[in-house]
C-alpha atoms as a PDB file:
ATOM      1  CA  UNK A   1       0.000   0.000   0.000  1.00  0.00           C
ATOM      2  CA  UNK A   2       1.339   3.400  -1.008  1.00  0.00           C
ATOM      3  CA  UNK A   3      -0.066   6.403   0.872  1.00  0.00           C
ATOM      4  CA  UNK A   4       0.554  10.017  -0.078  1.00  0.00           C
ATOM      5  CA  UNK A   5      -0.692  12.808   2.137  1.00  0.00           C
ATOM      6  CA  UNK A   6      -1.938  15.804   0.186  1.00  0.00           C
ATOM      7  CA  UNK A   7      -2.476  18.290   3.029  1.00  0.00           C
ATOM      8  CA  UNK A   8      -4.789  18.103   6.005  1.00  0.00           C
ATOM      9  CA  UNK A   9      -7.062  15.012   5.728  1.00  0.00           C
ATOM     10  CA  UNK A  10      -6.569  14.209   2.048  1.00  0.00           C
ATOM     11  CA  UNK A  11      -4.874  10.864   1.370  1.00  0.00           C
ATOM     12  CA  UNK A  12      -4.077   9.221  -1.948  1.00  0.00           C
ATOM     13  CA  UNK A  13      -4.032   5.453  -1.418  1.00  0.00           C
ATOM     14  CA  UNK A  14      -2.611   3.248  -4.162  1.00  0.00           C
ATOM     15  CA  UNK A  15      -2.698  -0.536  -4.160  1.00  0.00           C
ATOM     16  CA  UNK A  16      -0.493  -2.484  -6.610  1.00  0.00           C
ATOM     17  CA  UNK A  17      -1.364  -5.667  -8.476  1.00  0.00           C
ATOM     18  CA  UNK A  18      -3.249  -7.859  -7.952  1.00  0.00           C
ATOM     19  CA  UNK A  19      -5.582  -5.380  -6.182  1.00  0.00           C
ATOM     20  CA  UNK A  20      -4.779  -2.519  -8.574  1.00  0.00           C
ATOM     21  CA  UNK A  21      -6.991   0.173  -7.050  1.00  0.00           C
ATOM     22  CA  UNK A  22      -6.437   3.866  -6.350  1.00  0.00           C
ATOM     23  CA  UNK A  23      -8.540   5.991  -4.013  1.00  0.00           C
ATOM     24  CA  UNK A  24      -8.553   9.592  -2.842  1.00  0.00           C
ATOM     25  CA  UNK A  25      -9.947  10.490   0.583  1.00  0.00           C
ATOM     26  CA  UNK A  26     -11.355  13.895   1.576  1.00  0.00           C
ATOM     27  CA  UNK A  27     -10.075  16.237  -1.173  1.00  0.00           C
ATOM     28  CA  UNK A  28     -10.796  19.544   0.561  1.00  0.00           C
ATOM     29  CA  UNK A  29      -9.942  23.147  -0.163  1.00  0.00           C
ATOM     30  CA  UNK A  30      -6.611  22.992   1.687  1.00  0.00           C
ATOM     31  CA  UNK A  31      -5.579  20.177  -0.635  1.00  0.00           C
ATOM     32  CA  UNK A  32      -6.273  21.974  -3.907  1.00  0.00           C
ATOM     33  CA  UNK A  33      -2.612  23.058  -4.415  1.00  0.00           C
ATOM     34  CA  UNK A  34      -1.332  19.563  -3.609  1.00  0.00           C
ATOM     35  CA  UNK A  35      -3.579  17.304  -5.685  1.00  0.00           C
ATOM     36  CA  UNK A  36      -1.845  17.240  -9.060  1.00  0.00           C
ATOM     37  CA  UNK A  37      -4.733  16.067 -11.214  1.00  0.00           C
ATOM     38  CA  UNK A  38      -2.646  15.943 -14.389  1.00  0.00           C
ATOM     39  CA  UNK A  39      -0.046  13.728 -12.756  1.00  0.00           C
ATOM     40  CA  UNK A  40      -2.597  11.165 -11.574  1.00  0.00           C
ATOM     41  CA  UNK A  41      -2.623   8.100 -13.795  1.00  0.00           C
ATOM     42  CA  UNK A  42      -5.429   6.136 -12.134  1.00  0.00           C
ATOM     43  CA  UNK A  43      -8.316   6.996  -9.855  1.00  0.00           C
ATOM     44  CA  UNK A  44     -11.060   4.511  -9.068  1.00  0.00           C
ATOM     45  CA  UNK A  45     -12.709   6.068  -6.029  1.00  0.00           C
ATOM     46  CA  UNK A  46     -13.196   9.326  -4.165  1.00  0.00           C
ATOM     47  CA  UNK A  47     -14.338   9.005  -0.558  1.00  0.00           C
ATOM     48  CA  UNK A  48     -15.776  11.991   1.285  1.00  0.00           C
ATOM     49  CA  UNK A  49     -16.443  11.733   5.012  1.00  0.00           C
ATOM     50  CA  UNK A  50     -18.521  14.911   5.330  1.00  0.00           C
ATOM     51  CA  UNK A  51     -19.312  18.204   3.678  1.00  0.00           C
ATOM     52  CA  UNK A  52     -17.108  20.730   5.463  1.00  0.00           C
ATOM     53  CA  UNK A  53     -14.868  22.624   3.066  1.00  0.00           C
ATOM     54  CA  UNK A  54     -11.636  21.238   4.497  1.00  0.00           C
ATOM     55  CA  UNK A  55     -12.834  17.779   3.414  1.00  0.00           C
ATOM     56  CA  UNK A  56     -14.752  18.596   0.233  1.00  0.00           C
ATOM     57  CA  UNK A  57     -13.744  20.990  -2.513  1.00  0.00           C
ATOM     58  CA  UNK A  58     -16.375  20.858  -5.235  1.00  0.00           C
ATOM     59  CA  UNK A  59     -14.064  22.589  -7.770  1.00  0.00           C
ATOM     60  CA  UNK A  60     -11.373  19.985  -7.110  1.00  0.00           C
ATOM     61  CA  UNK A  61     -13.876  17.142  -7.485  1.00  0.00           C
ATOM     62  CA  UNK A  62     -14.966  18.641 -10.805  1.00  0.00           C
ATOM     63  CA  UNK A  63     -11.353  18.746 -12.017  1.00  0.00           C
ATOM     64  CA  UNK A  64     -10.896  15.121 -11.032  1.00  0.00           C
ATOM     65  CA  UNK A  65     -14.086  14.161 -12.856  1.00  0.00           C
ATOM     66  CA  UNK A  66     -12.914  15.876 -16.023  1.00  0.00           C
ATOM     67  CA  UNK A  67      -9.936  13.519 -16.135  1.00  0.00           C
ATOM     68  CA  UNK A  68     -11.636  10.480 -14.584  1.00  0.00           C
ATOM     69  CA  UNK A  69     -15.303  10.637 -15.648  1.00  0.00           C
ATOM     70  CA  UNK A  70     -15.981   7.096 -14.388  1.00  0.00           C
ATOM     71  CA  UNK A  71     -14.598   7.644 -10.889  1.00  0.00           C
ATOM     72  CA  UNK A  72     -16.940   6.434  -8.156  1.00  0.00           C
ATOM     73  CA  UNK A  73     -17.738   8.980  -5.424  1.00  0.00           C
ATOM     74  CA  UNK A  74     -18.949   7.764  -2.052  1.00  0.00           C
ATOM     75  CA  UNK A  75     -20.263  10.147   0.583  1.00  0.00           C
ATOM     76  CA  UNK A  76     -22.973  10.730   3.205  1.00  0.00           C
ATOM     77  CA  UNK A  77     -26.437  11.603   1.895  1.00  0.00           C
ATOM     78  CA  UNK A  78     -25.962  15.250   2.817  1.00  0.00           C
ATOM     79  CA  UNK A  79     -22.933  15.426   0.517  1.00  0.00           C
ATOM     80  CA  UNK A  80     -24.592  13.356  -2.199  1.00  0.00           C
ATOM     81  CA  UNK A  81     -27.416  15.914  -2.287  1.00  0.00           C
ATOM     82  CA  UNK A  82     -24.959  18.811  -2.423  1.00  0.00           C
ATOM     83  CA  UNK A  83     -23.030  17.246  -5.298  1.00  0.00           C
ATOM     84  CA  UNK A  84     -26.249  16.486  -7.167  1.00  0.00           C
ATOM     85  CA  UNK A  85     -26.926  20.229  -7.281  1.00  0.00           C
ATOM     86  CA  UNK A  86     -23.644  20.468  -9.220  1.00  0.00           C
ATOM     87  CA  UNK A  87     -24.699  17.617 -11.554  1.00  0.00           C
ATOM     88  CA  UNK A  88     -22.207  15.277  -9.868  1.00  0.00           C
ATOM     89  CA  UNK A  89     -23.368  11.747  -9.083  1.00  0.00           C
ATOM     90  CA  UNK A  90     -22.319  10.089  -5.832  1.00  0.00           C
ATOM     91  CA  UNK A  91     -23.467   7.092  -3.815  1.00  0.00           C
ATOM     92  CA  UNK A  92     -24.192   6.326  -0.189  1.00  0.00           C
ATOM     93  CA  UNK A  93     -23.816   2.571  -0.711  1.00  0.00           C
ATOM     94  CA  UNK A  94     -21.072   0.230   0.456  1.00  0.00           C
ATOM     95  CA  UNK A  95     -19.416  -1.986  -2.135  1.00  0.00           C
ATOM     96  CA  UNK A  96     -16.764  -4.676  -2.294  1.00  0.00           C
ATOM     97  CA  UNK A  97     -13.684  -3.623  -0.382  1.00  0.00           C
ATOM     98  CA  UNK A  98     -15.388  -0.749   1.446  1.00  0.00           C
ATOM     99  CA  UNK A  99     -17.206  -0.791   4.773  1.00  0.00           C
ATOM    100  CA  UNK A 100     -18.726   2.188   6.505  1.00  0.00           C
ATOM    101  CA  UNK A 101     -17.501   3.029   9.986  1.00  0.00           C
ATOM    102  CA  UNK A 102     -19.739   4.522  12.649  1.00  0.00           C
ATOM    103  CA  UNK A 103     -17.696   7.697  13.181  1.00  0.00           C
ATOM    104  CA  UNK A 104     -19.911  10.682  14.014  1.00  0.00           C
ATOM    105  CA  UNK A 105     -18.394  14.106  13.585  1.00  0.00           C
ATOM    106  CA  UNK A 106     -17.278  15.623  16.872  1.00  0.00           C
ATOM    107  CA  UNK A 107     -19.472  18.450  18.123  1.00  0.00           C
ATOM    108  CA  UNK A 108     -18.683  21.747  16.387  1.00  0.00           C
ATOM    109  CA  UNK A 109     -21.763  23.801  17.257  1.00  0.00           C
ATOM    110  CA  UNK A 110     -22.128  26.745  17.552  1.00  0.00           C
ATOM    111  CA  UNK A 111     -18.905  27.388  15.641  1.00  0.00           C
ATOM    112  CA  UNK A 112     -19.908  25.385  12.534  1.00  0.00           C
ATOM    113  CA  UNK A 113     -22.987  23.511  11.324  1.00  0.00           C
ATOM    114  CA  UNK A 114     -23.020  19.937  12.613  1.00  0.00           C
ATOM    115  CA  UNK A 115     -22.562  17.685   9.550  1.00  0.00           C
ATOM    116  CA  UNK A 116     -23.612  14.165   8.707  1.00  0.00           C
ATOM    117  CA  UNK A 117     -20.478  12.013   8.587  1.00  0.00           C
ATOM    118  CA  UNK A 118     -19.366   8.475   7.790  1.00  0.00           C
ATOM    119  CA  UNK A 119     -15.953   6.892   8.205  1.00  0.00           C
ATOM    120  CA  UNK A 120     -14.472   4.244   5.947  1.00  0.00           C
ATOM    121  CA  UNK A 121     -12.687   0.925   6.229  1.00  0.00           C
ATOM    122  CA  UNK A 122     -10.855   0.502   2.923  1.00  0.00           C
ATOM    123  CA  UNK A 123      -9.812  -2.931   1.598  1.00  0.00           C
ATOM    124  CA  UNK A 124      -9.841  -4.231   5.174  1.00  0.00           C
ATOM    125  CA  UNK A 125      -6.512  -2.415   5.639  1.00  0.00           C
ATOM    126  CA  UNK A 126      -7.039   1.305   6.218  1.00  0.00           C
ATOM    127  CA  UNK A 127      -9.468   3.266   8.381  1.00  0.00           C
ATOM    128  CA  UNK A 128     -10.312   6.913   7.677  1.00  0.00           C
ATOM    129  CA  UNK A 129     -12.717   8.293  10.303  1.00  0.00           C
ATOM    130  CA  UNK A 130     -13.071  11.866   9.088  1.00  0.00           C
ATOM    131  CA  UNK A 131     -13.445  14.283  12.003  1.00  0.00           C
ATOM    132  CA  UNK A 132     -14.124  11.755  14.715  1.00  0.00           C
ATOM    133  CA  UNK A 133     -12.536  10.463  17.880  1.00  0.00           C
ATOM    134  CA  UNK A 134     -15.751   8.610  18.704  1.00  0.00           C
ATOM    135  CA  UNK A 135     -15.189   5.318  16.910  1.00  0.00           C
ATOM    136  CA  UNK A 136     -14.307   1.949  18.409  1.00  0.00           C
ATOM    137  CA  UNK A 137     -12.472  -0.071  15.768  1.00  0.00           C
ATOM    138  CA  UNK A 138      -9.683   0.288  13.246  1.00  0.00           C
ATOM    139  CA  UNK A 139      -7.827  -1.663  10.608  1.00  0.00           C
ATOM    140  CA  UNK A 140      -4.033  -2.010  10.492  1.00  0.00           C
ATOM    141  CA  UNK A 141      -3.566   1.535   9.176  1.00  0.00           C
ATOM    142  CA  UNK A 142      -5.367   4.321  11.014  1.00  0.00           C
ATOM    143  CA  UNK A 143      -5.674   7.835   9.595  1.00  0.00           C
ATOM    144  CA  UNK A 144      -5.828   9.684  12.897  1.00  0.00           C
ATOM    145  CA  UNK A 145      -7.051  13.280  13.281  1.00  0.00           C
ATOM    146  CA  UNK A 146      -4.387  14.737  15.556  1.00  0.00           C
ATOM    147  CA  UNK A 147      -5.589  18.294  16.172  1.00  0.00           C
ATOM    148  CA  UNK A 148      -8.773  20.305  15.611  1.00  0.00           C
ATOM    149  CA  UNK A 149     -11.033  22.967  17.087  1.00  0.00           C
ATOM    150  CA  UNK A 150     -13.285  20.057  18.107  1.00  0.00           C
ATOM    151  CA  UNK A 151     -10.629  17.724  19.526  1.00  0.00           C
ATOM    152  CA  UNK A 152      -7.191  17.421  21.059  1.00  0.00           C
ATOM    153  CA  UNK A 153      -3.888  15.685  20.423  1.00  0.00           C
ATOM    154  CA  UNK A 154      -4.094  14.079  23.848  1.00  0.00           C
ATOM    155  CA  UNK A 155      -7.480  12.545  23.023  1.00  0.00           C
ATOM    156  CA  UNK A 156      -6.202  11.390  19.628  1.00  0.00           C
ATOM    157  CA  UNK A 157      -3.163   9.706  21.186  1.00  0.00           C
ATOM    158  CA  UNK A 158      -5.265   7.972  23.834  1.00  0.00           C
ATOM    159  CA  UNK A 159      -7.648   6.672  21.166  1.00  0.00           C
ATOM    160  CA  UNK A 160      -4.828   5.189  19.088  1.00  0.00           C
ATOM    161  CA  UNK A 161      -3.262   3.562  22.153  1.00  0.00           C
ATOM    162  CA  UNK A 162      -6.611   1.985  22.962  1.00  0.00           C
ATOM    163  CA  UNK A 163      -7.318   0.717  19.417  1.00  0.00           C
ATOM    164  CA  UNK A 164      -3.704  -0.314  18.695  1.00  0.00           C
ATOM    165  CA  UNK A 165      -3.395  -0.125  14.889  1.00  0.00           C
ATOM    166  CA  UNK A 166      -0.127  -1.228  13.329  1.00  0.00           C
ATOM    167  CA  UNK A 167       0.412   2.183  11.716  1.00  0.00           C
ATOM    168  CA  UNK A 168      -0.855   5.692  12.419  1.00  0.00           C
ATOM    169  CA  UNK A 169      -1.103   8.238   9.598  1.00  0.00           C
ATOM    170  CA  UNK A 170      -1.598  11.736  11.050  1.00  0.00           C
ATOM    171  CA  UNK A 171      -4.348  13.776   9.407  1.00  0.00           C
ATOM    172  CA  UNK A 172      -6.246  16.997  10.137  1.00  0.00           C
ATOM    173  CA  UNK A 173      -3.161  19.003  11.099  1.00  0.00           C
ATOM    174  CA  UNK A 174      -3.354  22.011   8.764  1.00  0.00           C
ATOM    175  CA  UNK A 175      -3.799  24.169  11.866  1.00  0.00           C
ATOM    176  CA  UNK A 176      -0.207  23.615  13.030  1.00  0.00           C
ATOM    177  CA  UNK A 177       2.813  25.647  12.029  1.00  0.00           C
ATOM    178  CA  UNK A 178       5.649  23.516  10.648  1.00  0.00           C
ATOM    179  CA  UNK A 179       7.685  23.725  13.857  1.00  0.00           C
ATOM    180  CA  UNK A 180       4.721  22.708  15.981  1.00  0.00           C
ATOM    181  CA  UNK A 181       3.921  19.834  13.634  1.00  0.00           C
ATOM    182  CA  UNK A 182       7.490  18.531  13.693  1.00  0.00           C
ATOM    183  CA  UNK A 183       7.712  18.730  17.462  1.00  0.00           C
ATOM    184  CA  UNK A 184       4.382  16.993  17.995  1.00  0.00           C
ATOM    185  CA  UNK A 185       5.166  14.329  15.400  1.00  0.00           C
ATOM    186  CA  UNK A 186       8.370  13.558  17.305  1.00  0.00           C
ATOM    187  CA  UNK A 187       6.446  13.198  20.561  1.00  0.00           C
ATOM    188  CA  UNK A 188       3.794  10.967  18.986  1.00  0.00           C
ATOM    189  CA  UNK A 189       6.406   8.850  17.241  1.00  0.00           C
ATOM    190  CA  UNK A 190       8.163   8.179  20.554  1.00  0.00           C
ATOM    191  CA  UNK A 191       4.938   7.482  22.456  1.00  0.00           C
ATOM    192  CA  UNK A 192       3.551   5.092  19.875  1.00  0.00           C
ATOM    193  CA  UNK A 193       6.870   3.278  19.381  1.00  0.00           C
ATOM    194  CA  UNK A 194       6.900   2.518  23.102  1.00  0.00           C
ATOM    195  CA  UNK A 195       3.522   0.851  22.583  1.00  0.00           C
ATOM    196  CA  UNK A 196       4.307  -1.133  19.440  1.00  0.00           C
ATOM    197  CA  UNK A 197       2.687   1.292  16.968  1.00  0.00           C
ATOM    198  CA  UNK A 198       4.503   2.871  14.027  1.00  0.00           C
ATOM    199  CA  UNK A 199       3.766   6.559  13.622  1.00  0.00           C
ATOM    200  CA  UNK A 200       4.325   7.796  10.070  1.00  0.00           C
ATOM    201  CA  UNK A 201       5.760  11.323   9.949  1.00  0.00           C
ATOM    202  CA  UNK A 202       4.009  12.210   6.716  1.00  0.00           C
ATOM    203  CA  UNK A 203       5.221  15.017   4.479  1.00  0.00           C
ATOM    204  CA  UNK A 204       2.957  16.496   1.818  1.00  0.00           C
ATOM    205  CA  UNK A 205       3.429  14.829  -1.548  1.00  0.00           C
ATOM    206  CA  UNK A 206       5.952  12.275  -0.293  1.00  0.00           C
ATOM    207  CA  UNK A 207       4.573   8.736  -0.569  1.00  0.00           C
ATOM    208  CA  UNK A 208       5.076   6.112   2.099  1.00  0.00           C
ATOM    209  CA  UNK A 209       4.947   2.419   1.159  1.00  0.00           C
ATOM    210  CA  UNK A 210       3.621  -0.001   3.767  1.00  0.00           C
ATOM    211  CA  UNK A 211       3.849  -3.783   3.786  1.00  0.00           C
ATOM    212  CA  UNK A 212       0.292  -4.670   4.789  1.00  0.00           C
END
């Protein structure tokens, strides 16, 4: 499995033969400069956890559709309805290799509207929970929101220690300055290593290959 972080919560996940599938998770507005649509060779799926702008950029989805008109988009009903207004078709249905995860969005009222959200288990290998610390299961690779107005790094770390994935991919960290990110990544790497978990110090646009 090859994972490339493309800012904030956006992950490009590529599986080689014999699986041969490529998916993009939560292409939001922060990720617009990092998702090089022209450089993408394959794209089978786009997964959207919820409709907040940092997880869904409609202009970016439109650009992806121009190159990959047959790409399958999976999202909560709220997002499906929003995309339909833009003449973009999406589904709320599970399919082979994808299971929905009960991962409600953490409370953001009154700061933001409370969205409908679903998390994803992908190919029985990777879990992307969107903006949630309220889920109770994970696959080997956990995309973990590590900071947010609605959550905390301490809560994120405690959740990962409880669920014990093999790997942690940090997401939802656009809010940090580079120095703060590096320092916190170092702390999380040390903590998780002491508990048998590999923390991946992701850099935008730099793929990491995992043996899973």
